[in-house]
Amino acid sequence: MFHNKKKTFEQHDNESISFYRQSVDDLNILNKLENNLDVDVCVIGGGITGVTSAFHLVNRGHRVVLLEARNIGSGASGRNGGQLSIGLRKSQQYLENKLGKNHAKELWTLGLEGVEEVKNFISKYKIHCAFENGVMQAGYYSKDFISFLKDIEHMERFYNFNNYEYFDLNQIQDQINSKKYYSGLLNKSAYHLNPLKYLYGITKVILNMKVHIYENCPVETIEETNNGVKVKTKQCTVKAKYAVVGCNGYLDNLLGRVRHKFMPINNYIIATEPLGEKKAREFIRNNYAVCDTRFIIDYYRFSEDWRMLFGGGETFTSTFDKNPKEIVSNRMYKVFPGLKNYKIDFSWGGSLAITVNRLPHFGTTMNGKVLYAHGYSGHGLGLSTLAGKLIAEKISGFADRFNFFESINHITIPGGDFFRRIFYASAIGYYKFRDLL
């Protein structure tokens, strides 16, 4: 636990509905866990990691059950900014220096595959999730153009990647109607979408595959046995050969000290009233998703009904901010003063898992009987979709690709459950100060 009276997933119980949740119909999952079960794999967590793990495991012939503490998509998978970017949170140059060129190139290839996996799900199963092309990195600092041009040259030269486009001062301010930016880097192989519609689409697929999903069924403990694990809830026990844990920032203490490899961060999003397409394109001409280059980023895009979805601001406490609408709207008005004329219809928050090096944390525990993937560090749509595939490969005896992520070394955040929040927040303070400057 994080010295919090509630578990992290309980923080959402009394909040107002998000735009994403308002945009989808109920799944109407009526299963209730009333008897002990015996399966091959018990998946814990009804986000993208868990649902895609279940999909690929069933396709490989495993008997699977999925347990979700609240409802499918009630965590970060149904709350995020909806930006589907290639690769990892860090640049390829960083990864090459840290992990070596061969490892970095393998991770780049896997990152590309993650995006393709999302596209394949959407295309094959006709998932209507407002899928749009283009993610723009907006240069908040005057010298950002230097790193943008270096990235373009490096990726063209060493990765044969030609889908970046550079924007100078005049061009970026023509694309984004704000005086805050000096340059831009468009990734034409990146996309944006409604993440909850995407997740619900895959969930409907696995329901048709006869995967039993049990909502409102929080897991209390996982115990190792000679032949596998026992996953215990208040209601019943699920015996399985393997457990897959896809809880990300909502992990709490389910896997013990594994949680000390990341910090659960609270992030917030608002949605304005619909602006209409014509007015929306006065703010973002080509309907790209945007994120800036600050350490504490702003990220935003338009929804399928032309609402501005604007995310920004972070808190590191064990409870959510009581007034995220004010925090985020103030950031939005600094970028787009003209949006003060429009009503804010929705505001919500969620928890994500941030690792120190901003790279995802894959691993196993209990002698390989429990597998986990989390710590996507705000880059999770493609990575969590890919994670489900790699987890299923590992359980089925093909571990190489999972191991490319598992072999990444992660720093343990010191201080225990209480002081590590203070430690991490203090370290972040430097970057917040830099952003202000």
Protein backbone atom coordinates (compact mmCIF):
# COMPACT_ATOMS: atom_id res chain seq x y z
CA MET A 1 0.00 0.00 0.00
CA PHE A 2 1.03 3.64 -0.46
CA HIS A 3 0.00 4.87 3.00
CA ASN A 4 -3.40 5.53 1.56
CA LYS A 5 -6.74 4.60 3.11
CA LYS A 6 -7.94 3.48 -0.30
CA LYS A 7 -6.39 1.33 -2.97
CA THR A 8 -5.57 3.33 -6.06
CA PHE A 9 -8.41 1.90 -8.15
CA GLU A 10 -10.91 3.00 -5.49
CA GLN A 11 -10.01 6.65 -6.09
CA HIS A 12 -12.34 6.72 -9.11
CA ASP A 13 -15.43 5.37 -7.35
CA ASN A 14 -17.14 8.70 -6.69
CA GLU A 15 -15.84 10.83 -9.54
CA SER A 16 -17.75 12.40 -12.40
CA ILE A 17 -17.88 10.56 -15.70
CA SER A 18 -15.08 11.17 -18.22
CA PHE A 19 -15.61 12.08 -21.86
CA TYR A 20 -14.35 8.66 -22.91
CA ARG A 21 -16.78 6.83 -20.65
CA GLN A 22 -19.62 9.00 -21.91
CA SER A 23 -18.66 8.12 -25.50
CA VAL A 24 -19.19 4.34 -25.17
CA ASP A 25 -22.09 2.02 -24.45
CA ASP A 26 -21.90 -0.38 -21.51
CA LEU A 27 -20.26 -3.74 -22.14
CA ASN A 28 -22.84 -5.41 -19.87
CA ILE A 29 -20.46 -8.02 -18.48
CA LEU A 30 -22.66 -9.92 -16.02
CA ASN A 31 -20.32 -12.71 -14.87
CA LYS A 32 -19.90 -13.07 -11.11
CA LEU A 33 -17.07 -15.03 -9.53
CA GLU A 34 -18.97 -17.33 -7.18
CA ASN A 35 -16.89 -20.52 -7.40
CA ASN A 36 -13.22 -21.42 -7.32
CA LEU A 37 -11.69 -21.81 -10.78
CA ASP A 38 -8.85 -23.82 -12.28
CA VAL A 39 -7.35 -22.40 -15.50
CA ASP A 40 -4.09 -22.14 -17.38
CA VAL A 41 -3.63 -18.38 -16.99
CA CYS A 42 -5.28 -15.85 -14.69
CA VAL A 43 -4.99 -12.31 -16.07
CA ILE A 44 -5.25 -9.53 -13.50
CA GLY A 45 -6.22 -6.11 -14.82
CA GLY A 46 -8.79 -5.10 -17.43
CA GLY A 47 -6.68 -2.57 -19.29
CA ILE A 48 -4.97 -2.97 -22.66
CA THR A 49 -2.13 -5.10 -21.25
CA GLY A 50 -4.54 -7.57 -19.66
CA VAL A 51 -7.07 -7.72 -22.48
CA THR A 52 -4.48 -8.18 -25.24
CA SER A 53 -2.68 -10.80 -23.12
CA ALA A 54 -5.95 -12.72 -22.87
CA PHE A 55 -6.50 -12.41 -26.62
CA HIS A 56 -3.11 -13.82 -27.57
CA LEU A 57 -3.11 -16.50 -24.88
CA VAL A 58 -6.46 -17.88 -26.03
CA ASN A 59 -5.21 -17.86 -29.62
CA ARG A 60 -2.32 -20.02 -28.43
CA GLY A 61 -4.65 -22.52 -26.84
CA HIS A 62 -4.57 -21.48 -23.18
CA ARG A 63 -7.61 -21.46 -20.90
CA VAL A 64 -7.83 -17.89 -19.59
CA VAL A 65 -9.83 -15.95 -17.03
CA LEU A 66 -9.56 -12.18 -16.51
CA LEU A 67 -10.17 -10.41 -13.18
CA GLU A 68 -10.72 -6.62 -13.02
CA ALA A 69 -10.94 -4.69 -9.76
CA ARG A 70 -13.61 -2.31 -11.08
CA ASN A 71 -14.64 -2.18 -14.75
CA ILE A 72 -12.84 -2.74 -18.03
CA GLY A 73 -10.88 0.41 -18.86
CA SER A 74 -11.49 2.10 -15.52
CA GLY A 75 -7.74 2.65 -15.12
CA ALA A 76 -5.23 4.42 -17.36
CA SER A 77 -6.19 2.47 -20.50
CA GLY A 78 -9.53 4.27 -20.55
CA ARG A 79 -8.29 7.64 -19.32
CA ASN A 80 -5.17 8.57 -21.28
CA GLY A 81 -4.46 11.17 -23.93
CA GLY A 82 -5.04 8.75 -26.80
CA GLN A 83 -1.69 9.35 -28.53
CA LEU A 84 -0.22 6.31 -30.29
CA SER A 85 3.47 6.98 -30.85
CA ILE A 86 6.28 4.83 -32.19
CA GLY A 87 9.03 3.48 -29.99
CA LEU A 88 9.67 4.33 -26.36
CA ARG A 89 9.56 7.52 -24.30
CA LYS A 90 13.29 8.06 -24.86
CA SER A 91 15.07 8.83 -28.13
CA GLN A 92 16.98 6.18 -30.04
CA GLN A 93 20.24 8.03 -29.36
CA TYR A 94 19.56 7.72 -25.62
CA LEU A 95 18.77 4.03 -25.96
CA GLU A 96 21.89 3.40 -28.03
CA ASN A 97 24.07 5.04 -25.38
CA LYS A 98 22.36 3.22 -22.53
CA LEU A 99 21.74 -0.22 -24.02
CA GLY A 100 23.95 -0.48 -27.09
CA LYS A 101 23.00 -0.10 -30.76
CA ASN A 102 21.80 -3.66 -31.30
CA HIS A 103 19.47 -3.63 -28.29
CA ALA A 104 18.21 -0.16 -29.22
CA LYS A 105 17.40 -1.27 -32.77
CA GLU A 106 15.53 -4.33 -31.51
CA LEU A 107 13.44 -2.07 -29.27
CA TRP A 108 12.75 0.30 -32.17
CA THR A 109 11.53 -2.60 -34.28
CA LEU A 110 9.30 -3.75 -31.43
CA GLY A 111 7.97 -0.21 -31.03
CA LEU A 112 7.00 -0.15 -34.70
CA GLU A 113 5.31 -3.50 -34.23
CA GLY A 114 3.31 -2.13 -31.30
CA VAL A 115 1.78 0.54 -33.53
CA GLU A 116 1.09 -2.01 -36.25
CA GLU A 117 -0.60 -4.29 -33.70
CA VAL A 118 -2.99 -1.47 -32.77
CA LYS A 119 -3.72 -0.80 -36.44
CA ASN A 120 -4.30 -4.49 -37.09
CA PHE A 121 -6.79 -4.80 -34.22
CA ILE A 122 -8.67 -1.75 -35.48
CA SER A 123 -8.72 -2.94 -39.09
CA LYS A 124 -9.41 -6.64 -38.58
CA TYR A 125 -12.15 -6.22 -35.99
CA LYS A 126 -13.58 -2.97 -37.38
CA ILE A 127 -13.11 -1.06 -34.13
CA HIS A 128 -14.54 2.44 -34.49
CA CYS A 129 -12.29 4.49 -32.23
CA ALA A 130 -11.77 7.84 -34.02
CA PHE A 131 -8.41 6.75 -35.45
CA GLU A 132 -6.48 9.70 -36.92
CA ASN A 133 -2.97 10.20 -38.29
CA GLY A 134 -0.25 12.51 -37.00
CA VAL A 135 1.39 13.38 -33.67
CA MET A 136 3.25 16.69 -33.42
CA GLN A 137 5.98 17.38 -30.89
CA ALA A 138 5.84 21.12 -30.30
CA GLY A 139 9.11 22.80 -29.40
CA TYR A 140 8.53 24.85 -26.25
CA TYR A 141 12.16 26.01 -26.10
CA SER A 142 13.92 28.10 -28.73
CA LYS A 143 16.73 25.56 -29.17
CA ASP A 144 14.50 22.49 -29.57
CA PHE A 145 15.00 22.69 -33.32
CA ILE A 146 18.56 21.42 -32.83
CA SER A 147 17.44 18.12 -31.33
CA PHE A 148 14.59 17.83 -33.84
CA LEU A 149 16.95 18.12 -36.81
CA LYS A 150 19.42 15.71 -35.20
CA ASP A 151 16.64 13.19 -34.67
CA ILE A 152 15.56 13.45 -38.29
CA GLU A 153 19.11 12.97 -39.58
CA HIS A 154 19.90 10.12 -37.18
CA MET A 155 16.71 8.18 -37.89
CA GLU A 156 17.07 8.57 -41.65
CA ARG A 157 20.71 7.52 -41.59
CA PHE A 158 20.67 4.60 -39.17
CA TYR A 159 17.05 3.39 -39.19
CA ASN A 160 15.89 4.25 -42.71
CA PHE A 161 12.98 6.08 -41.12
CA ASN A 162 11.70 8.96 -43.25
CA ASN A 163 8.39 9.80 -41.64
CA TYR A 164 9.47 12.81 -39.58
CA GLU A 165 8.71 16.29 -40.85
CA TYR A 166 10.29 19.44 -39.41
CA PHE A 167 8.40 22.72 -38.87
CA ASP A 168 10.14 26.04 -38.29
CA LEU A 169 8.71 28.97 -36.30
CA ASN A 170 6.32 30.18 -38.98
CA GLN A 171 5.22 26.70 -39.93
CA ILE A 172 4.52 25.49 -36.39
CA GLN A 173 2.47 28.59 -35.60
CA ASP A 174 0.52 28.02 -38.80
CA GLN A 175 -0.20 24.44 -37.70
CA ILE A 176 -0.90 25.24 -34.02
CA ASN A 177 -2.49 28.62 -33.33
CA SER A 178 -0.37 29.44 -30.29
CA LYS A 179 2.57 31.72 -29.58
CA LYS A 180 4.13 29.19 -27.19
CA TYR A 181 6.12 27.18 -29.72
CA TYR A 182 9.30 27.78 -31.72
CA SER A 183 9.46 24.63 -33.85
CA GLY A 184 7.81 21.28 -34.38
CA LEU A 185 8.51 17.66 -35.27
CA LEU A 186 5.64 15.75 -36.87
CA ASN A 187 5.65 11.97 -36.72
CA LYS A 188 3.60 10.79 -39.69
CA SER A 189 3.77 7.17 -38.47
CA ALA A 190 2.02 8.06 -35.21
CA TYR A 191 -1.72 8.32 -34.57
CA HIS A 192 -4.37 9.33 -32.08
CA LEU A 193 -7.63 7.67 -31.07
CA ASN A 194 -10.29 7.22 -28.43
CA PRO A 195 -8.52 4.72 -26.13
CA LEU A 196 -11.62 3.41 -24.36
CA LYS A 197 -13.40 2.70 -27.65
CA TYR A 198 -10.28 0.84 -28.76
CA LEU A 199 -10.12 -1.19 -25.53
CA TYR A 200 -13.83 -1.96 -25.60
CA GLY A 201 -13.43 -3.19 -29.17
CA ILE A 202 -10.78 -5.75 -28.18
CA THR A 203 -12.77 -6.70 -25.09
CA LYS A 204 -15.78 -7.58 -27.25
CA VAL A 205 -13.48 -9.79 -29.32
CA ILE A 206 -12.26 -11.80 -26.32
CA LEU A 207 -15.79 -12.09 -24.97
CA ASN A 208 -16.71 -13.71 -28.29
CA MET A 209 -13.71 -16.00 -27.78
CA LYS A 210 -15.42 -17.15 -24.55
CA VAL A 211 -12.92 -15.55 -22.18
CA HIS A 212 -14.62 -15.20 -18.80
CA ILE A 213 -14.21 -11.66 -17.48
CA TYR A 214 -15.11 -10.85 -13.89
CA GLU A 215 -15.47 -7.15 -13.08
CA ASN A 216 -15.58 -5.65 -9.56
CA CYS A 217 -13.32 -8.48 -8.49
CA PRO A 218 -10.14 -7.05 -6.92
CA VAL A 219 -7.31 -9.48 -6.29
CA GLU A 220 -6.03 -9.50 -2.72
CA THR A 221 -3.01 -11.83 -2.96
CA ILE A 222 -1.09 -14.07 -5.32
CA GLU A 223 0.51 -17.15 -3.75
CA GLU A 224 3.01 -19.48 -5.39
CA THR A 225 2.27 -23.20 -5.38
CA ASN A 226 4.22 -26.22 -6.63
CA ASN A 227 2.26 -26.28 -9.89
CA GLY A 228 1.54 -22.59 -10.39
CA VAL A 229 -0.19 -19.88 -8.38
CA LYS A 230 -3.31 -19.20 -6.36
CA VAL A 231 -4.96 -15.87 -7.09
CA LYS A 232 -7.16 -14.95 -4.17
CA THR A 233 -10.09 -12.55 -4.14
CA LYS A 234 -12.63 -11.90 -1.40
CA GLN A 235 -15.06 -14.14 -3.21
CA CYS A 236 -13.02 -17.11 -4.43
CA THR A 237 -9.65 -18.50 -5.46
CA VAL A 238 -8.38 -19.01 -9.00
CA LYS A 239 -5.77 -21.73 -9.45
CA ALA A 240 -3.58 -21.21 -12.50
CA LYS A 241 -0.27 -22.28 -14.00
CA TYR A 242 0.55 -18.62 -14.58
CA ALA A 243 -0.71 -15.20 -13.58
CA VAL A 244 -0.35 -12.10 -15.74
CA VAL A 245 -0.43 -8.77 -13.89
CA GLY A 246 -1.32 -5.72 -15.97
CA CYS A 247 -2.16 -3.13 -13.33
CA ASN A 248 0.40 -0.40 -14.17
CA GLY A 249 -0.06 2.62 -11.86
CA TYR A 250 -2.79 0.77 -9.97
CA LEU A 251 -0.51 -2.07 -8.87
CA ASP A 252 -0.28 -1.01 -5.20
CA ASN A 253 1.43 -3.82 -3.23
CA LEU A 254 0.14 -6.80 -5.22
CA LEU A 255 3.68 -7.71 -6.34
CA GLY A 256 5.52 -6.50 -3.26
CA ARG A 257 8.68 -4.51 -3.88
CA VAL A 258 8.21 -4.58 -7.65
CA ARG A 259 6.20 -1.38 -7.13
CA HIS A 260 9.36 0.45 -6.06
CA LYS A 261 10.64 0.37 -9.65
CA PHE A 262 8.14 3.04 -10.65
CA MET A 263 6.28 6.02 -9.25
CA PRO A 264 2.49 6.20 -9.62
CA ILE A 265 1.76 9.66 -11.01
CA ASN A 266 -1.64 11.34 -11.13
CA ASN A 267 -2.35 13.13 -14.38
CA TYR A 268 -5.43 15.07 -15.46
CA ILE A 269 -7.44 15.82 -18.61
CA ILE A 270 -10.31 18.16 -19.45
CA ALA A 271 -12.71 18.19 -22.39
CA THR A 272 -14.39 21.33 -23.66
CA GLU A 273 -17.80 21.51 -25.23
CA PRO A 274 -17.78 20.66 -28.98
CA LEU A 275 -16.28 23.48 -31.06
CA GLY A 276 -17.27 22.18 -34.48
CA GLU A 277 -14.73 21.17 -37.12
CA LYS A 278 -14.26 24.63 -38.65
CA LYS A 279 -13.47 26.32 -35.34
CA ALA A 280 -11.32 23.39 -34.15
CA ARG A 281 -9.12 23.64 -37.21
CA GLU A 282 -8.47 27.28 -36.36
CA PHE A 283 -6.57 25.95 -33.33
CA ILE A 284 -4.95 22.82 -34.85
CA ARG A 285 -5.06 23.12 -38.62
CA ASN A 286 -4.55 19.46 -39.57
CA ASN A 287 -6.13 17.81 -36.52
CA TYR A 288 -2.84 16.43 -35.21
CA ALA A 289 -2.36 15.31 -31.64
CA VAL A 290 0.23 17.48 -29.91
CA CYS A 291 2.63 17.19 -27.00
CA ASP A 292 5.21 19.79 -26.02
CA THR A 293 8.86 19.37 -25.04
CA ARG A 294 8.71 20.36 -21.39
CA PHE A 295 9.50 17.80 -18.71
CA ILE A 296 5.99 18.22 -17.28
CA ILE A 297 4.25 18.17 -20.63
CA ASP A 298 1.03 19.52 -22.04
CA TYR A 299 -0.66 17.13 -24.48
CA TYR A 300 -3.83 17.69 -26.41
CA ARG A 301 -5.93 16.88 -29.46
CA PHE A 302 -9.50 17.10 -30.70
CA SER A 303 -12.02 14.35 -30.06
CA GLU A 304 -14.26 12.75 -32.66
CA ASP A 305 -16.95 15.34 -31.87
CA TRP A 306 -14.44 18.23 -31.95
CA ARG A 307 -13.93 18.82 -28.25
CA MET A 308 -10.51 19.98 -27.15
CA LEU A 309 -9.08 17.21 -24.98
CA PHE A 310 -6.27 18.84 -23.01
CA GLY A 311 -4.04 17.05 -20.53
CA GLY A 312 -1.38 18.45 -18.25
CA GLY A 313 -0.29 18.87 -14.70
CA GLU A 314 0.88 16.10 -12.40
CA THR A 315 0.56 15.34 -8.71
CA PHE A 316 2.57 12.80 -6.75
CA THR A 317 0.33 12.38 -3.72
CA SER A 318 -1.53 9.17 -2.92
CA THR A 319 -4.87 10.86 -3.64
CA PHE A 320 -6.15 12.72 -6.67
CA ASP A 321 -6.44 16.48 -6.77
CA LYS A 322 -9.94 17.62 -5.85
CA ASN A 323 -10.07 20.31 -8.53
CA PRO A 324 -8.16 19.12 -11.64
CA LYS A 325 -10.41 21.20 -13.86
CA GLU A 326 -8.81 24.40 -12.59
CA ILE A 327 -5.26 23.05 -12.81
CA VAL A 328 -5.58 21.87 -16.40
CA SER A 329 -7.73 24.72 -17.71
CA ASN A 330 -5.13 27.25 -16.53
CA ARG A 331 -2.48 25.40 -18.51
CA MET A 332 -4.77 25.20 -21.55
CA TYR A 333 -5.56 28.92 -21.52
CA LYS A 334 -1.84 29.74 -21.59
CA VAL A 335 -1.55 27.80 -24.83
CA PHE A 336 -4.94 28.74 -26.30
CA PRO A 337 -6.39 31.91 -24.70
CA GLY A 338 -9.29 31.73 -27.17
CA LEU A 339 -10.63 28.60 -25.49
CA LYS A 340 -11.73 30.68 -22.49
CA ASN A 341 -14.89 31.31 -24.49
CA TYR A 342 -15.88 27.63 -24.38
CA LYS A 343 -17.40 25.62 -21.56
CA ILE A 344 -15.53 22.70 -20.02
CA ASP A 345 -17.84 19.69 -20.00
CA PHE A 346 -15.61 17.00 -18.49
CA SER A 347 -12.58 16.68 -16.23
CA TRP A 348 -10.97 13.52 -14.91
CA GLY A 349 -7.73 12.06 -13.64
CA GLY A 350 -5.88 8.78 -13.67
CA SER A 351 -2.72 7.10 -12.43
CA LEU A 352 0.16 6.08 -14.66
CA ALA A 353 3.42 4.37 -13.79
CA ILE A 354 6.63 6.32 -14.44
CA THR A 355 10.01 4.60 -14.21
CA VAL A 356 13.18 6.56 -13.47
CA ASN A 357 14.60 5.96 -16.95
CA ARG A 358 11.14 6.32 -18.59
CA LEU A 359 11.44 2.83 -20.09
CA PRO A 360 8.83 0.08 -19.58
CA HIS A 361 9.35 -2.49 -16.84
CA PHE A 362 8.74 -6.09 -17.93
CA GLY A 363 9.55 -9.00 -15.65
CA THR A 364 8.63 -12.16 -13.82
CA THR A 365 8.44 -13.27 -10.21
CA MET A 366 7.56 -16.46 -8.28
CA ASN A 367 9.98 -18.51 -10.39
CA GLY A 368 8.52 -17.30 -13.65
CA LYS A 369 4.92 -18.14 -12.77
CA VAL A 370 3.87 -14.48 -12.54
CA LEU A 371 4.55 -12.14 -15.46
CA TYR A 372 4.05 -8.38 -15.46
CA ALA A 373 4.43 -5.39 -17.75
CA HIS A 374 3.99 -1.79 -16.66
CA GLY A 375 5.84 1.51 -16.35
CA TYR A 376 4.99 2.68 -19.86
CA SER A 377 5.66 6.24 -18.65
CA GLY A 378 2.90 7.88 -20.65
CA HIS A 379 3.73 5.97 -23.84
CA GLY A 380 1.45 3.04 -23.28
CA LEU A 381 -1.06 2.62 -26.12
CA GLY A 382 1.32 0.82 -28.45
CA LEU A 383 3.54 -0.68 -25.76
CA SER A 384 0.68 -2.18 -23.74
CA THR A 385 -0.81 -3.67 -26.91
CA LEU A 386 2.58 -5.17 -27.74
CA ALA A 387 3.07 -6.34 -24.15
CA GLY A 388 0.07 -8.65 -24.36
CA LYS A 389 1.58 -10.34 -27.40
CA LEU A 390 5.04 -10.72 -25.83
CA ILE A 391 3.60 -12.05 -22.56
CA ALA A 392 1.70 -14.72 -24.46
CA GLU A 393 4.87 -15.62 -26.36
CA LYS A 394 6.85 -15.97 -23.13
CA ILE A 395 4.24 -18.20 -21.47
CA SER A 396 4.17 -20.32 -24.63
CA GLY A 397 7.93 -20.86 -24.54
CA PHE A 398 9.16 -18.11 -26.85
CA ALA A 399 10.84 -15.67 -24.50
CA ASP A 400 13.34 -13.75 -26.63
CA ARG A 401 11.23 -10.71 -27.43
CA PHE A 402 9.84 -10.35 -23.91
CA ASN A 403 13.43 -10.59 -22.69
CA PHE A 404 14.51 -7.57 -24.74
CA PHE A 405 12.39 -5.52 -22.33
CA GLU A 406 13.02 -7.60 -19.22
CA SER A 407 16.79 -7.14 -19.59
CA ILE A 408 16.52 -3.35 -19.20
CA ASN A 409 17.94 -2.40 -15.82
CA HIS A 410 15.61 -0.33 -13.62
CA ILE A 411 16.56 1.75 -10.60
CA THR A 412 14.68 1.17 -7.37
CA ILE A 413 13.22 4.45 -6.13
CA PRO A 414 14.45 4.78 -2.52
CA GLY A 415 12.43 5.70 0.53
CA GLY A 416 9.76 3.05 0.92
CA ASP A 417 6.09 3.68 0.23
CA PHE A 418 5.93 7.08 1.93
CA PHE A 419 9.34 8.69 1.53
CA ARG A 420 9.83 7.66 -2.08
CA ARG A 421 6.98 10.01 -3.01
CA ILE A 422 8.80 12.85 -1.29
CA PHE A 423 12.11 11.79 -2.85
CA TYR A 424 10.64 11.60 -6.33
CA ALA A 425 8.67 14.84 -6.01
CA SER A 426 11.81 16.64 -4.85
CA ALA A 427 13.74 15.38 -7.86
CA ILE A 428 10.92 16.46 -10.19
CA GLY A 429 10.97 19.92 -8.61
CA TYR A 430 14.16 20.73 -10.51
CA TYR A 431 12.50 20.01 -13.85
CA LYS A 432 9.39 21.99 -12.94
CA PHE A 433 11.65 24.94 -12.14
CA ARG A 434 13.38 24.50 -15.48
CA ASP A 435 10.02 24.49 -17.26
CA LEU A 436 9.08 27.74 -15.57
CA LEU A 437 12.34 29.34 -16.66
